[in-house]
PDB file of N, CA and C in Angstrom:
ATOM      1  N   MET A   1      72.565-111.356 -56.192  1.00  0.00           N
ATOM      2  CA  MET A   1      73.982-111.306 -55.962  1.00  0.00           C
ATOM      3  C   MET A   1      74.554-110.046 -56.591  1.00  0.00           C
ATOM      4  N   ARG A   2      75.721-109.663 -56.136  1.00  0.00           N
ATOM      5  CA  ARG A   2      76.386-108.487 -56.685  1.00  0.00           C
ATOM      6  C   ARG A   2      76.966-108.812 -58.064  1.00  0.00           C
ATOM      7  N   GLU A   3      77.230-107.762 -58.842  1.00  0.00           N
ATOM      8  CA  GLU A   3      77.789-107.946 -60.184  1.00  0.00           C
ATOM      9  C   GLU A   3      79.081-108.748 -60.147  1.00  0.00           C
ATOM     10  N   GLY A   4      79.983-108.373 -59.266  1.00  0.00           N
ATOM     11  CA  GLY A   4      81.269-109.058 -59.173  1.00  0.00           C
ATOM     12  C   GLY A   4      81.119-110.521 -58.799  1.00  0.00           C
ATOM     13  N   GLU A   5      80.137-110.817 -57.953  1.00  0.00           N
ATOM     14  CA  GLU A   5      79.882-112.217 -57.563  1.00  0.00           C
ATOM     15  C   GLU A   5      79.362-113.004 -58.759  1.00  0.00           C
ATOM     16  N   LEU A   6      78.491-112.388 -59.542  1.00  0.00           N
ATOM     17  CA  LEU A   6      77.969-113.031 -60.749  1.00  0.00           C
ATOM     18  C   LEU A   6      79.094-113.316 -61.731  1.00  0.00           C
ATOM     19  N   LEU A   7      79.948-112.325 -61.945  1.00  0.00           N
ATOM     20  CA  LEU A   7      81.011-112.462 -62.937  1.00  0.00           C
ATOM     21  C   LEU A   7      82.133-113.398 -62.487  1.00  0.00           C
ATOM     22  N   ALA A   8      82.178-113.734 -61.201  1.00  0.00           N
ATOM     23  CA  ALA A   8      83.189-114.667 -60.693  1.00  0.00           C
ATOM     24  C   ALA A   8      82.687-116.110 -60.691  1.00  0.00           C
ATOM     25  N   LEU A   9      81.398-116.326 -60.982  1.00  0.00           N
ATOM     26  CA  LEU A   9      80.835-117.674 -60.926  1.00  0.00           C
ATOM     27  C   LEU A   9      81.524-118.638 -61.873  1.00  0.00           C
ATOM     28  N   THR A  10      81.709-119.855 -61.388  1.00  0.00           N
ATOM     29  CA  THR A  10      82.241-120.948 -62.210  1.00  0.00           C
ATOM     30  C   THR A  10      81.235-122.095 -62.169  1.00  0.00           C
ATOM     31  N   ALA A  11      81.421-123.054 -63.056  1.00  0.00           N
ATOM     32  CA  ALA A  11      80.540-124.224 -63.059  1.00  0.00           C
ATOM     33  C   ALA A  11      80.633-124.960 -61.723  1.00  0.00           C
ATOM     34  N   ALA A  12      81.803-124.932 -61.102  1.00  0.00           N
ATOM     35  CA  ALA A  12      81.992-125.607 -59.810  1.00  0.00           C
ATOM     36  C   ALA A  12      81.153-124.972 -58.699  1.00  0.00           C
ATOM     37  N   ASP A  13      80.733-123.724 -58.883  1.00  0.00           N
ATOM     38  CA  ASP A  13      79.927-123.020 -57.872  1.00  0.00           C
ATOM     39  C   ASP A  13      78.444-123.363 -57.957  1.00  0.00           C
ATOM     40  N   ILE A  14      78.055-124.059 -59.007  1.00  0.00           N
ATOM     41  CA  ILE A  14      76.633-124.333 -59.230  1.00  0.00           C
ATOM     42  C   ILE A  14      76.358-125.810 -59.013  1.00  0.00           C
ATOM     43  N   ASP A  15      75.462-126.081 -58.082  1.00  0.00           N
ATOM     44  CA  ASP A  15      75.054-127.467 -57.810  1.00  0.00           C
ATOM     45  C   ASP A  15      73.626-127.627 -58.311  1.00  0.00           C
ATOM     46  N   LEU A  16      73.481-128.252 -59.462  1.00  0.00           N
ATOM     47  CA  LEU A  16      72.166-128.400 -60.077  1.00  0.00           C
ATOM     48  C   LEU A  16      71.335-129.500 -59.428  1.00  0.00           C
ATOM     49  N   ILE A  17      71.966-130.382 -58.662  1.00  0.00           N
ATOM     50  CA  ILE A  17      71.225-131.427 -57.957  1.00  0.00           C
ATOM     51  C   ILE A  17      70.590-130.856 -56.695  1.00  0.00           C
ATOM     52  N   VAL A  18      71.369-130.110 -55.924  1.00  0.00           N
ATOM     53  CA  VAL A  18      70.862-129.483 -54.695  1.00  0.00           C
ATOM     54  C   VAL A  18      70.109-128.195 -55.026  1.00  0.00           C
ATOM     55  N   LYS A  19      70.316-127.689 -56.250  1.00  0.00           N
ATOM     56  CA  LYS A  19      69.663-126.469 -56.738  1.00  0.00           C
ATOM     57  C   LYS A  19      70.097-125.245 -55.936  1.00  0.00           C
ATOM     58  N   GLN A  20      71.423-125.018 -55.963  1.00  0.00           N
ATOM     59  CA  GLN A  20      71.921-123.836 -55.287  1.00  0.00           C
ATOM     60  C   GLN A  20      73.225-123.350 -55.906  1.00  0.00           C
ATOM     61  N   ILE A  21      73.495-122.068 -55.694  1.00  0.00           N
ATOM     62  CA  ILE A  21      74.726-121.446 -56.143  1.00  0.00           C
ATOM     63  C   ILE A  21      75.537-121.095 -54.905  1.00  0.00           C
ATOM     64  N   ASP A  22      76.800-121.460 -54.918  1.00  0.00           N
ATOM     65  CA  ASP A  22      77.725-121.151 -53.827  1.00  0.00           C
ATOM     66  C   ASP A  22      78.449-119.863 -54.191  1.00  0.00           C
ATOM     67  N   ILE A  23      78.129-118.799 -53.490  1.00  0.00           N
ATOM     68  CA  ILE A  23      78.788-117.514 -53.737  1.00  0.00           C
ATOM     69  C   ILE A  23      79.961-117.421 -52.770  1.00  0.00           C
ATOM     70  N   ASN A  24      81.173-117.465 -53.325  1.00  0.00           N
ATOM     71  CA  ASN A  24      82.360-117.531 -52.476  1.00  0.00           C
ATOM     72  C   ASN A  24      83.512-116.669 -52.979  1.00  0.00           C
ATOM     73  N   LYS A  25      83.259-115.886 -54.032  1.00  0.00           N
ATOM     74  CA  LYS A  25      84.308-115.033 -54.576  1.00  0.00           C
ATOM     75  C   LYS A  25      83.679-113.890 -55.365  1.00  0.00           C
ATOM     76  N   THR A  26      84.527-112.926 -55.727  1.00  0.00           N
ATOM     77  CA  THR A  26      84.066-111.798 -56.526  1.00  0.00           C
ATOM     78  C   THR A  26      85.115-111.459 -57.579  1.00  0.00           C
ATOM     79  N   TYR A  27      84.682-110.782 -58.629  1.00  0.00           N
ATOM     80  CA  TYR A  27      85.529-110.467 -59.778  1.00  0.00           C
ATOM     81  C   TYR A  27      85.700-108.963 -59.927  1.00  0.00           C
ATOM     82  N   GLN A  28      86.916-108.567 -60.301  1.00  0.00           N
ATOM     83  CA  GLN A  28      87.201-107.181 -60.669  1.00  0.00           C
ATOM     84  C   GLN A  28      88.156-107.206 -61.852  1.00  0.00           C
ATOM     85  N   HIS A  29      88.090-106.182 -62.671  1.00  0.00           N
ATOM     86  CA  HIS A  29      89.043-106.029 -63.775  1.00  0.00           C
ATOM     87  C   HIS A  29      89.826-104.760 -63.478  1.00  0.00           C
ATOM     88  N   LEU A  30      91.059-104.909 -63.004  1.00  0.00           N
ATOM     89  CA  LEU A  30      91.884-103.766 -62.613  1.00  0.00           C
ATOM     90  C   LEU A  30      93.168-103.728 -63.422  1.00  0.00           C
ATOM     91  N   HIS A  31      93.473-102.555 -63.977  1.00  0.00           N
ATOM     92  CA  HIS A  31      94.725-102.352 -64.709  1.00  0.00           C
ATOM     93  C   HIS A  31      94.950-103.433 -65.768  1.00  0.00           C
ATOM     94  N   GLY A  32      93.863-103.804 -66.464  1.00  0.00           N
ATOM     95  CA  GLY A  32      93.966-104.776 -67.538  1.00  0.00           C
ATOM     96  C   GLY A  32      94.037-106.227 -67.091  1.00  0.00           C
ATOM     97  N   GLU A  33      93.860-106.467 -65.797  1.00  0.00           N
ATOM     98  CA  GLU A  33      93.935-107.838 -65.268  1.00  0.00           C
ATOM     99  C   GLU A  33      92.615-108.251 -64.627  1.00  0.00           C
ATOM    100  N   ASP A  34      92.256-109.517 -64.807  1.00  0.00           N
ATOM    101  CA  ASP A  34      91.096-110.084 -64.121  1.00  0.00           C
ATOM    102  C   ASP A  34      91.548-110.520 -62.731  1.00  0.00           C
ATOM    103  N   ILE A  35      90.867-110.007 -61.712  1.00  0.00           N
ATOM    104  CA  ILE A  35      91.223-110.303 -60.325  1.00  0.00           C
ATOM    105  C   ILE A  35      90.036-110.995 -59.654  1.00  0.00           C
ATOM    106  N   ILE A  36      90.279-112.150 -59.054  1.00  0.00           N
ATOM    107  CA  ILE A  36      89.258-112.863 -58.287  1.00  0.00           C
ATOM    108  C   ILE A  36      89.680-112.808 -56.825  1.00  0.00           C
ATOM    109  N   THR A  37      88.785-112.306 -55.963  1.00  0.00           N
ATOM    110  CA  THR A  37      89.070-112.197 -54.531  1.00  0.00           C
ATOM    111  C   THR A  37      87.892-112.742 -53.728  1.00  0.00           C
ATOM    112  N   THR A  38      88.044-112.724 -52.418  1.00  0.00           N
ATOM    113  CA  THR A  38      86.931-113.121 -51.554  1.00  0.00           C
ATOM    114  C   THR A  38      85.849-112.040 -51.641  1.00  0.00           C
ATOM    115  N   PRO A  39      84.597-112.380 -51.301  1.00  0.00           N
ATOM    116  CA  PRO A  39      83.508-111.395 -51.400  1.00  0.00           C
ATOM    117  C   PRO A  39      83.699-110.184 -50.497  1.00  0.00           C
ATOM    118  N   LYS A  40      82.838-109.208 -50.702  1.00  0.00           N
ATOM    119  CA  LYS A  40      82.895-107.915 -50.034  1.00  0.00           C
ATOM    120  C   LYS A  40      82.956-108.040 -48.501  1.00  0.00           C
ATOM    121  N   THR A  41      82.117-108.892 -47.934  1.00  0.00           N
ATOM    122  CA  THR A  41      82.104-109.070 -46.475  1.00  0.00           C
ATOM    123  C   THR A  41      82.093-110.558 -46.143  1.00  0.00           C
ATOM    124  N   ARG A  42      82.322-110.875 -44.888  1.00  0.00           N
ATOM    125  CA  ARG A  42      82.309-112.273 -44.447  1.00  0.00           C
ATOM    126  C   ARG A  42      80.931-112.897 -44.679  1.00  0.00           C
ATOM    127  N   LYS A  43      79.882-112.122 -44.439  1.00  0.00           N
ATOM    128  CA  LYS A  43      78.514-112.618 -44.633  1.00  0.00           C
ATOM    129  C   LYS A  43      78.159-112.777 -46.109  1.00  0.00           C
ATOM    130  N   SER A  44      78.982-112.216 -46.987  1.00  0.00           N
ATOM    131  CA  SER A  44      78.712-112.327 -48.422  1.00  0.00           C
ATOM    132  C   SER A  44      78.912-113.747 -48.926  1.00  0.00           C
ATOM    133  N   LYS A  45      79.693-114.543 -48.219  1.00  0.00           N
ATOM    134  CA  LYS A  45      79.843-115.954 -48.603  1.00  0.00           C
ATOM    135  C   LYS A  45      78.559-116.657 -48.211  1.00  0.00           C
ATOM    136  N   ARG A  46      77.852-117.200 -49.201  1.00  0.00           N
ATOM    137  CA  ARG A  46      76.557-117.798 -48.912  1.00  0.00           C
ATOM    138  C   ARG A  46      76.169-118.768 -50.023  1.00  0.00           C
ATOM    139  N   LYS A  47      75.167-119.558 -49.736  1.00  0.00           N
ATOM    140  CA  LYS A  47      74.599-120.478 -50.719  1.00  0.00           C
ATOM    141  C   LYS A  47      73.188-119.990 -51.009  1.00  0.00           C
ATOM    142  N   VAL A  48      72.916-119.789 -52.301  1.00  0.00           N
ATOM    143  CA  VAL A  48      71.637-119.232 -52.727  1.00  0.00           C
ATOM    144  C   VAL A  48      70.835-120.308 -53.446  1.00  0.00           C
ATOM    145  N   PRO A  49      69.621-120.601 -52.964  1.00  0.00           N
ATOM    146  CA  PRO A  49      68.786-121.587 -53.664  1.00  0.00           C
ATOM    147  C   PRO A  49      68.329-121.025 -55.012  1.00  0.00           C
ATOM    148  N   ILE A  50      68.203-121.906 -55.995  1.00  0.00           N
ATOM    149  CA  ILE A  50      67.745-121.477 -57.320  1.00  0.00           C
ATOM    150  C   ILE A  50      66.591-122.359 -57.774  1.00  0.00           C
ATOM    151  N   PRO A  51      65.621-121.772 -58.477  1.00  0.00           N
ATOM    152  CA  PRO A  51      64.447-122.531 -58.932  1.00  0.00           C
ATOM    153  C   PRO A  51      64.784-123.452 -60.113  1.00  0.00           C
ATOM    154  N   ASP A  52      63.887-124.380 -60.362  1.00  0.00           N
ATOM    155  CA  ASP A  52      64.071-125.362 -61.438  1.00  0.00           C
ATOM    156  C   ASP A  52      64.365-124.720 -62.795  1.00  0.00           C
ATOM    157  N   PHE A  53      63.602-123.669 -63.150  1.00  0.00           N
ATOM    158  CA  PHE A  53      63.795-123.066 -64.470  1.00  0.00           C
ATOM    159  C   PHE A  53      65.207-122.502 -64.622  1.00  0.00           C
ATOM    160  N   LEU A  54      65.765-121.963 -63.525  1.00  0.00           N
ATOM    161  CA  LEU A  54      67.113-121.408 -63.605  1.00  0.00           C
ATOM    162  C   LEU A  54      68.154-122.526 -63.684  1.00  0.00           C
ATOM    163  N   CYS A  55      67.900-123.625 -62.993  1.00  0.00           N
ATOM    164  CA  CYS A  55      68.790-124.796 -63.121  1.00  0.00           C
ATOM    165  C   CYS A  55      68.858-125.235 -64.579  1.00  0.00           C
ATOM    166  N   GLN A  56      67.707-125.291 -65.210  1.00  0.00           N
ATOM    167  CA  GLN A  56      67.641-125.711 -66.613  1.00  0.00           C
ATOM    168  C   GLN A  56      68.373-124.720 -67.515  1.00  0.00           C
ATOM    169  N   GLU A  57      68.142-123.427 -67.305  1.00  0.00           N
ATOM    170  CA  GLU A  57      68.813-122.399 -68.104  1.00  0.00           C
ATOM    171  C   GLU A  57      70.330-122.460 -67.924  1.00  0.00           C
ATOM    172  N   LEU A  58      70.766-122.619 -66.670  1.00  0.00           N
ATOM    173  CA  LEU A  58      72.198-122.693 -66.406  1.00  0.00           C
ATOM    174  C   LEU A  58      72.820-123.930 -67.037  1.00  0.00           C
ATOM    175  N   GLN A  59      72.114-125.053 -66.957  1.00  0.00           N
ATOM    176  CA  GLN A  59      72.631-126.284 -67.568  1.00  0.00           C
ATOM    177  C   GLN A  59      72.782-126.107 -69.076  1.00  0.00           C
ATOM    178  N   GLU A  60      71.773-125.539 -69.708  1.00  0.00           N
ATOM    179  CA  GLU A  60      71.828-125.311 -71.156  1.00  0.00           C
ATOM    180  C   GLU A  60      72.960-124.348 -71.512  1.00  0.00           C
ATOM    181  N   TYR A  61      73.122-123.307 -70.704  1.00  0.00           N
ATOM    182  CA  TYR A  61      74.189-122.339 -70.967  1.00  0.00           C
ATOM    183  C   TYR A  61      75.561-122.997 -70.814  1.00  0.00           C
ATOM    184  N   MET A  62      75.751-123.758 -69.738  1.00  0.00           N
ATOM    185  CA  MET A  62      77.046-124.414 -69.519  1.00  0.00           C
ATOM    186  C   MET A  62      77.327-125.431 -70.618  1.00  0.00           C
ATOM    187  N   ASP A  63      76.303-126.139 -71.074  1.00  0.00           N
ATOM    188  CA  ASP A  63      76.469-127.097 -72.169  1.00  0.00           C
ATOM    189  C   ASP A  63      76.872-126.402 -73.471  1.00  0.00           C
ATOM    190  N   SER A  64      76.436-125.159 -73.634  1.00  0.00           N
ATOM    191  CA  SER A  64      76.735-124.422 -74.860  1.00  0.00           C
ATOM    192  C   SER A  64      78.164-123.874 -74.885  1.00  0.00           C
ATOM    193  N   ARG A  65      78.799-123.807 -73.728  1.00  0.00           N
ATOM    194  CA  ARG A  65      80.185-123.307 -73.648  1.00  0.00           C
ATOM    195  C   ARG A  65      81.144-124.436 -73.995  1.00  0.00           C
ATOM    196  N   TYR A  66      81.886-124.297 -75.042  1.00  0.00           N
ATOM    197  CA  TYR A  66      82.795-125.330 -75.536  1.00  0.00           C
ATOM    198  C   TYR A  66      83.910-125.596 -74.530  1.00  0.00           C
ATOM    199  N   MET A  67      84.010-126.843 -74.097  1.00  0.00           N
ATOM    200  CA  MET A  67      85.063-127.311 -73.185  1.00  0.00           C
ATOM    201  C   MET A  67      85.199-126.417 -71.943  1.00  0.00           C
ATOM    202  N   LEU A  68      84.090-126.121 -71.306  1.00  0.00           N
ATOM    203  CA  LEU A  68      84.083-125.285 -70.109  1.00  0.00           C
ATOM    204  C   LEU A  68      84.732-126.042 -68.954  1.00  0.00           C
ATOM    205  N   ALA A  69      85.798-125.499 -68.421  1.00  0.00           N
ATOM    206  CA  ALA A  69      86.472-126.112 -67.271  1.00  0.00           C
ATOM    207  C   ALA A  69      85.691-125.772 -66.002  1.00  0.00           C
ATOM    208  N   PRO A  70      85.699-126.668 -64.996  1.00  0.00           N
ATOM    209  CA  PRO A  70      84.925-126.432 -63.771  1.00  0.00           C
ATOM    210  C   PRO A  70      85.240-125.108 -63.068  1.00  0.00           C
ATOM    211  N   ASN A  71      86.487-124.637 -63.153  1.00  0.00           N
ATOM    212  CA  ASN A  71      86.866-123.399 -62.465  1.00  0.00           C
ATOM    213  C   ASN A  71      87.051-122.214 -63.405  1.00  0.00           C
ATOM    214  N   GLU A  72      86.519-122.337 -64.622  1.00  0.00           N
ATOM    215  CA  GLU A  72      86.552-121.236 -65.586  1.00  0.00           C
ATOM    216  C   GLU A  72      85.332-120.347 -65.344  1.00  0.00           C
ATOM    217  N   ARG A  73      85.511-119.039 -65.457  1.00  0.00           N
ATOM    218  CA  ARG A  73      84.387-118.123 -65.260  1.00  0.00           C
ATOM    219  C   ARG A  73      83.286-118.412 -66.270  1.00  0.00           C
ATOM    220  N   LEU A  74      82.043-118.486 -65.777  1.00  0.00           N
ATOM    221  CA  LEU A  74      80.904-118.749 -66.656  1.00  0.00           C
ATOM    222  C   LEU A  74      80.623-117.577 -67.593  1.00  0.00           C
ATOM    223  N   PHE A  75      80.815-116.376 -67.094  1.00  0.00           N
ATOM    224  CA  PHE A  75      80.504-115.169 -67.854  1.00  0.00           C
ATOM    225  C   PHE A  75      81.796-114.363 -68.021  1.00  0.00           C
ATOM    226  N   PRO A  76      82.578-114.670 -69.050  1.00  0.00           N
ATOM    227  CA  PRO A  76      83.891-114.026 -69.229  1.00  0.00           C
ATOM    228  C   PRO A  76      83.785-112.614 -69.816  1.00  0.00           C
ATOM    229  N   ILE A  77      83.103-111.741 -69.087  1.00  0.00           N
ATOM    230  CA  ILE A  77      82.925-110.347 -69.489  1.00  0.00           C
ATOM    231  C   ILE A  77      83.277-109.465 -68.307  1.00  0.00           C
ATOM    232  N   THR A  78      83.303-108.157 -68.523  1.00  0.00           N
ATOM    233  CA  THR A  78      83.607-107.209 -67.449  1.00  0.00           C
ATOM    234  C   THR A  78      82.326-106.522 -66.963  1.00  0.00           C
ATOM    235  N   LYS A  79      82.420-105.852 -65.812  1.00  0.00           N
ATOM    236  CA  LYS A  79      81.287-105.080 -65.304  1.00  0.00           C
ATOM    237  C   LYS A  79      80.927-103.969 -66.287  1.00  0.00           C
ATOM    238  N   SER A  80      81.930-103.384 -66.895  1.00  0.00           N
ATOM    239  CA  SER A  80      81.713-102.311 -67.858  1.00  0.00           C
ATOM    240  C   SER A  80      80.897-102.819 -69.047  1.00  0.00           C
ATOM    241  N   PHE A  81      81.244-103.979 -69.564  1.00  0.00           N
ATOM    242  CA  PHE A  81      80.501-104.558 -70.685  1.00  0.00           C
ATOM    243  C   PHE A  81      79.061-104.858 -70.267  1.00  0.00           C
ATOM    244  N   LEU A  82      78.896-105.415 -69.061  1.00  0.00           N
ATOM    245  CA  LEU A  82      77.565-105.737 -68.554  1.00  0.00           C
ATOM    246  C   LEU A  82      76.709-104.468 -68.457  1.00  0.00           C
ATOM    247  N   SER A  83      77.281-103.396 -67.933  1.00  0.00           N
ATOM    248  CA  SER A  83      76.559-102.123 -67.810  1.00  0.00           C
ATOM    249  C   SER A  83      76.203-101.566 -69.181  1.00  0.00           C
ATOM    250  N   HIS A  84      77.146-101.645 -70.106  1.00  0.00           N
ATOM    251  CA  HIS A  84      76.902-101.167 -71.469  1.00  0.00           C
ATOM    252  C   HIS A  84      75.724-101.918 -72.098  1.00  0.00           C
ATOM    253  N   GLU A  85      75.684-103.226 -71.937  1.00  0.00           N
ATOM    254  CA  GLU A  85      74.603-104.037 -72.506  1.00  0.00           C
ATOM    255  C   GLU A  85      73.267-103.705 -71.843  1.00  0.00           C
ATOM    256  N   MET A  86      73.298-103.419 -70.541  1.00  0.00           N
ATOM    257  CA  MET A  86      72.063-103.051 -69.837  1.00  0.00           C
ATOM    258  C   MET A  86      71.536-101.717 -70.381  1.00  0.00           C
ATOM    259  N   GLU A  87      72.432-100.761 -70.568  1.00  0.00           N
ATOM    260  CA  GLU A  87      72.029 -99.462 -71.119  1.00  0.00           C
ATOM    261  C   GLU A  87      71.489 -99.617 -72.540  1.00  0.00           C
ATOM    262  N   ARG A  88      72.153-100.432 -73.331  1.00  0.00           N
ATOM    263  CA  ARG A  88      71.719-100.680 -74.709  1.00  0.00           C
ATOM    264  C   ARG A  88      70.313-101.285 -74.725  1.00  0.00           C
ATOM    265  N   GLY A  89      70.077-102.254 -73.831  1.00  0.00           N
ATOM    266  CA  GLY A  89      68.757-102.881 -73.744  1.00  0.00           C
ATOM    267  C   GLY A  89      67.687-101.905 -73.308  1.00  0.00           C
ATOM    268  N   CYS A  90      68.030-101.034 -72.347  1.00  0.00           N
ATOM    269  CA  CYS A  90      67.066-100.029 -71.880  1.00  0.00           C
ATOM    270  C   CYS A  90      66.690 -99.068 -73.006  1.00  0.00           C
ATOM    271  N   LYS A  91      67.690 -98.604 -73.744  1.00  0.00           N
ATOM    272  CA  LYS A  91      67.427 -97.683 -74.857  1.00  0.00           C
ATOM    273  C   LYS A  91      66.564 -98.353 -75.919  1.00  0.00           C
ATOM    274  N   LYS A  92      66.900 -99.584 -76.235  1.00  0.00           N
ATOM    275  CA  LYS A  92      66.186-100.306 -77.297  1.00  0.00           C
ATOM    276  C   LYS A  92      64.714-100.533 -76.934  1.00  0.00           C
ATOM    277  N   THR A  93      64.441-100.769 -75.640  1.00  0.00           N
ATOM    278  CA  THR A  93      63.074-101.071 -75.214  1.00  0.00           C
ATOM    279  C   THR A  93      62.325 -99.855 -74.681  1.00  0.00           C
ATOM    280  N   GLY A  94      63.030 -98.726 -74.528  1.00  0.00           N
ATOM    281  CA  GLY A  94      62.388 -97.523 -74.011  1.00  0.00           C
ATOM    282  C   GLY A  94      62.214 -97.526 -72.502  1.00  0.00           C
ATOM    283  N   VAL A  95      62.871 -98.444 -71.830  1.00  0.00           N
ATOM    284  CA  VAL A  95      62.795 -98.524 -70.368  1.00  0.00           C
ATOM    285  C   VAL A  95      63.736 -97.478 -69.769  1.00  0.00           C
ATOM    286  N   LYS A  96      63.293 -96.838 -68.702  1.00  0.00           N
ATOM    287  CA  LYS A  96      64.135 -95.865 -68.004  1.00  0.00           C
ATOM    288  C   LYS A  96      65.445 -96.543 -67.594  1.00  0.00           C
ATOM    289  N   ARG A  97      66.543 -95.809 -67.657  1.00  0.00           N
ATOM    290  CA  ARG A  97      67.858 -96.355 -67.326  1.00  0.00           C
ATOM    291  C   ARG A  97      67.843 -96.987 -65.929  1.00  0.00           C
ATOM    292  N   ILE A  98      68.382 -98.177 -65.851  1.00  0.00           N
ATOM    293  CA  ILE A  98      68.491 -98.891 -64.586  1.00  0.00           C
ATOM    294  C   ILE A  98      69.866 -99.538 -64.527  1.00  0.00           C
ATOM    295  N   ARG A  99      70.487 -99.464 -63.361  1.00  0.00           N
ATOM    296  CA  ARG A  99      71.798-100.089 -63.181  1.00  0.00           C
ATOM    297  C   ARG A  99      71.603-101.565 -62.848  1.00  0.00           C
ATOM    298  N   ILE A 100      72.622-102.361 -63.110  1.00  0.00           N
ATOM    299  CA  ILE A 100      72.578-103.786 -62.778  1.00  0.00           C
ATOM    300  C   ILE A 100      72.323-103.955 -61.285  1.00  0.00           C
ATOM    301  N   HIS A 101      72.977-103.142 -60.459  1.00  0.00           N
ATOM    302  CA  HIS A 101      72.819-103.276 -59.007  1.00  0.00           C
ATOM    303  C   HIS A 101      71.382-102.994 -58.560  1.00  0.00           C
ATOM    304  N   ASP A 102      70.670-102.150 -59.309  1.00  0.00           N
ATOM    305  CA  ASP A 102      69.280-101.847 -58.967  1.00  0.00           C
ATOM    306  C   ASP A 102      68.408-103.102 -59.015  1.00  0.00           C
ATOM    307  N   ILE A 103      68.748-104.031 -59.894  1.00  0.00           N
ATOM    308  CA  ILE A 103      67.985-105.279 -59.991  1.00  0.00           C
ATOM    309  C   ILE A 103      68.109-106.063 -58.688  1.00  0.00           C
ATOM    310  N   ARG A 104      69.291-106.011 -58.067  1.00  0.00           N
ATOM    311  CA  ARG A 104      69.516-106.690 -56.781  1.00  0.00           C
ATOM    312  C   ARG A 104      68.549-106.145 -55.733  1.00  0.00           C
ATOM    313  N   HIS A 105      68.408-104.821 -55.686  1.00  0.00           N
ATOM    314  CA  HIS A 105      67.510-104.210 -54.704  1.00  0.00           C
ATOM    315  C   HIS A 105      66.043-104.512 -55.016  1.00  0.00           C
ATOM    316  N   SER A 106      65.692-104.490 -56.288  1.00  0.00           N
ATOM    317  CA  SER A 106      64.317-104.817 -56.679  1.00  0.00           C
ATOM    318  C   SER A 106      63.975-106.240 -56.271  1.00  0.00           C
ATOM    319  N   HIS A 107      64.912-107.157 -56.504  1.00  0.00           N
ATOM    320  CA  HIS A 107      64.687-108.555 -56.135  1.00  0.00           C
ATOM    321  C   HIS A 107      64.455-108.678 -54.628  1.00  0.00           C
ATOM    322  N   ALA A 108      65.279-108.003 -53.837  1.00  0.00           N
ATOM    323  CA  ALA A 108      65.131-108.070 -52.377  1.00  0.00           C
ATOM    324  C   ALA A 108      63.772-107.528 -51.949  1.00  0.00           C
ATOM    325  N   SER A 109      63.352-106.419 -52.540  1.00  0.00           N
ATOM    326  CA  SER A 109      62.049-105.832 -52.195  1.00  0.00           C
ATOM    327  C   SER A 109      60.900-106.770 -52.560  1.00  0.00           C
ATOM    328  N   LEU A 110      60.958-107.352 -53.763  1.00  0.00           N
ATOM    329  CA  LEU A 110      59.895-108.266 -54.190  1.00  0.00           C
ATOM    330  C   LEU A 110      59.866-109.527 -53.326  1.00  0.00           C
ATOM    331  N   LEU A 111      61.036-109.997 -52.917  1.00  0.00           N
ATOM    332  CA  LEU A 111      61.107-111.163 -52.049  1.00  0.00           C
ATOM    333  C   LEU A 111      60.474-110.862 -50.691  1.00  0.00           C
ATOM    334  N   MET A 112      60.727-109.662 -50.172  1.00  0.00           N
ATOM    335  CA  MET A 112      60.133-109.280 -48.885  1.00  0.00           C
ATOM    336  C   MET A 112      58.614-109.225 -48.992  1.00  0.00           C
ATOM    337  N   ILE A 113      58.121-108.713 -50.099  1.00  0.00           N
ATOM    338  CA  ILE A 113      56.667-108.652 -50.311  1.00  0.00           C
ATOM    339  C   ILE A 113      56.103-110.070 -50.361  1.00  0.00           C
ATOM    340  N   LYS A 114      56.771-110.934 -51.120  1.00  0.00           N
ATOM    341  CA  LYS A 114      56.301-112.317 -51.257  1.00  0.00           C
ATOM    342  C   LYS A 114      56.276-113.032 -49.909  1.00  0.00           C
ATOM    343  N   LEU A 115      57.283-112.758 -49.077  1.00  0.00           N
ATOM    344  CA  LEU A 115      57.374-113.414 -47.769  1.00  0.00           C
ATOM    345  C   LEU A 115      56.610-112.657 -46.682  1.00  0.00           C
ATOM    346  N   ASN A 116      55.955-111.547 -47.086  1.00  0.00           N
ATOM    347  CA  ASN A 116      55.156-110.739 -46.166  1.00  0.00           C
ATOM    348  C   ASN A 116      55.996-110.198 -44.999  1.00  0.00           C
ATOM    349  N   ILE A 117      57.185-109.689 -45.336  1.00  0.00           N
ATOM    350  CA  ILE A 117      58.071-109.103 -44.330  1.00  0.00           C
ATOM    351  C   ILE A 117      57.944-107.587 -44.427  1.00  0.00           C
ATOM    352  N   SER A 118      57.735-106.938 -43.302  1.00  0.00           N
ATOM    353  CA  SER A 118      57.564-105.488 -43.264  1.00  0.00           C
ATOM    354  C   SER A 118      58.918-104.782 -43.268  1.00  0.00           C
ATOM    355  N   MET A 119      59.037-103.724 -44.077  1.00  0.00           N
ATOM    356  CA  MET A 119      60.257-102.904 -44.085  1.00  0.00           C
ATOM    357  C   MET A 119      60.431-102.238 -42.718  1.00  0.00           C
ATOM    358  N   LEU A 120      59.337-101.900 -42.073  1.00  0.00           N
ATOM    359  CA  LEU A 120      59.402-101.286 -40.759  1.00  0.00           C
ATOM    360  C   LEU A 120      60.095-102.225 -39.783  1.00  0.00           C
ATOM    361  N   PHE A 121      59.782-103.525 -39.842  1.00  0.00           N
ATOM    362  CA  PHE A 121      60.408-104.522 -38.972  1.00  0.00           C
ATOM    363  C   PHE A 121      61.912-104.560 -39.222  1.00  0.00           C
ATOM    364  N   ILE A 122      62.323-104.505 -40.461  1.00  0.00           N
ATOM    365  CA  ILE A 122      63.741-104.555 -40.831  1.00  0.00           C
ATOM    366  C   ILE A 122      64.467-103.344 -40.257  1.00  0.00           C
ATOM    367  N   GLU A 123      63.885-102.139 -40.423  1.00  0.00           N
ATOM    368  CA  GLU A 123      64.530-100.921 -39.940  1.00  0.00           C
ATOM    369  C   GLU A 123      64.650-100.907 -38.432  1.00  0.00           C
ATOM    370  N   ILE A 124      63.640-101.386 -37.722  1.00  0.00           N
ATOM    371  CA  ILE A 124      63.687-101.451 -36.262  1.00  0.00           C
ATOM    372  C   ILE A 124      64.738-102.457 -35.806  1.00  0.00           C
ATOM    373  N   SER A 125      64.870-103.538 -36.523  1.00  0.00           N
ATOM    374  CA  SER A 125      65.815-104.595 -36.150  1.00  0.00           C
ATOM    375  C   SER A 125      67.260-104.139 -36.313  1.00  0.00           C
ATOM    376  N   LEU A 126      67.501-103.231 -37.246  1.00  0.00           N
ATOM    377  CA  LEU A 126      68.879-102.774 -37.493  1.00  0.00           C
ATOM    378  C   LEU A 126      69.300-101.886 -36.365  1.00  0.00           C
TER     379      LEU A 126
END
């Protein structure tokens, strides 16, 4: 998912029984205000299946948030803070700088490999 979609997530968007996340909004911090809007495109509204380990991690995280309301943002931080933490982690571990969005592309590539989907097929289809 995109950074803004991640930062807009609420507990109400996560169904731990069906094991999926409902991506239906995005977050921006503009002129000192938190803004929640519809996603980038119409196709951006989607339900993403999540594995058991992530369900468990999310449940533990939500349980750790004191009096978390169903429509309260799960990750009350900004994109800038997220990027700063990613850079800090890269420096600390000696990993080449990587943007948060790059992880989205890496995930898509690894998923295609796992599902044995050819990039050539994708390019021809477009």
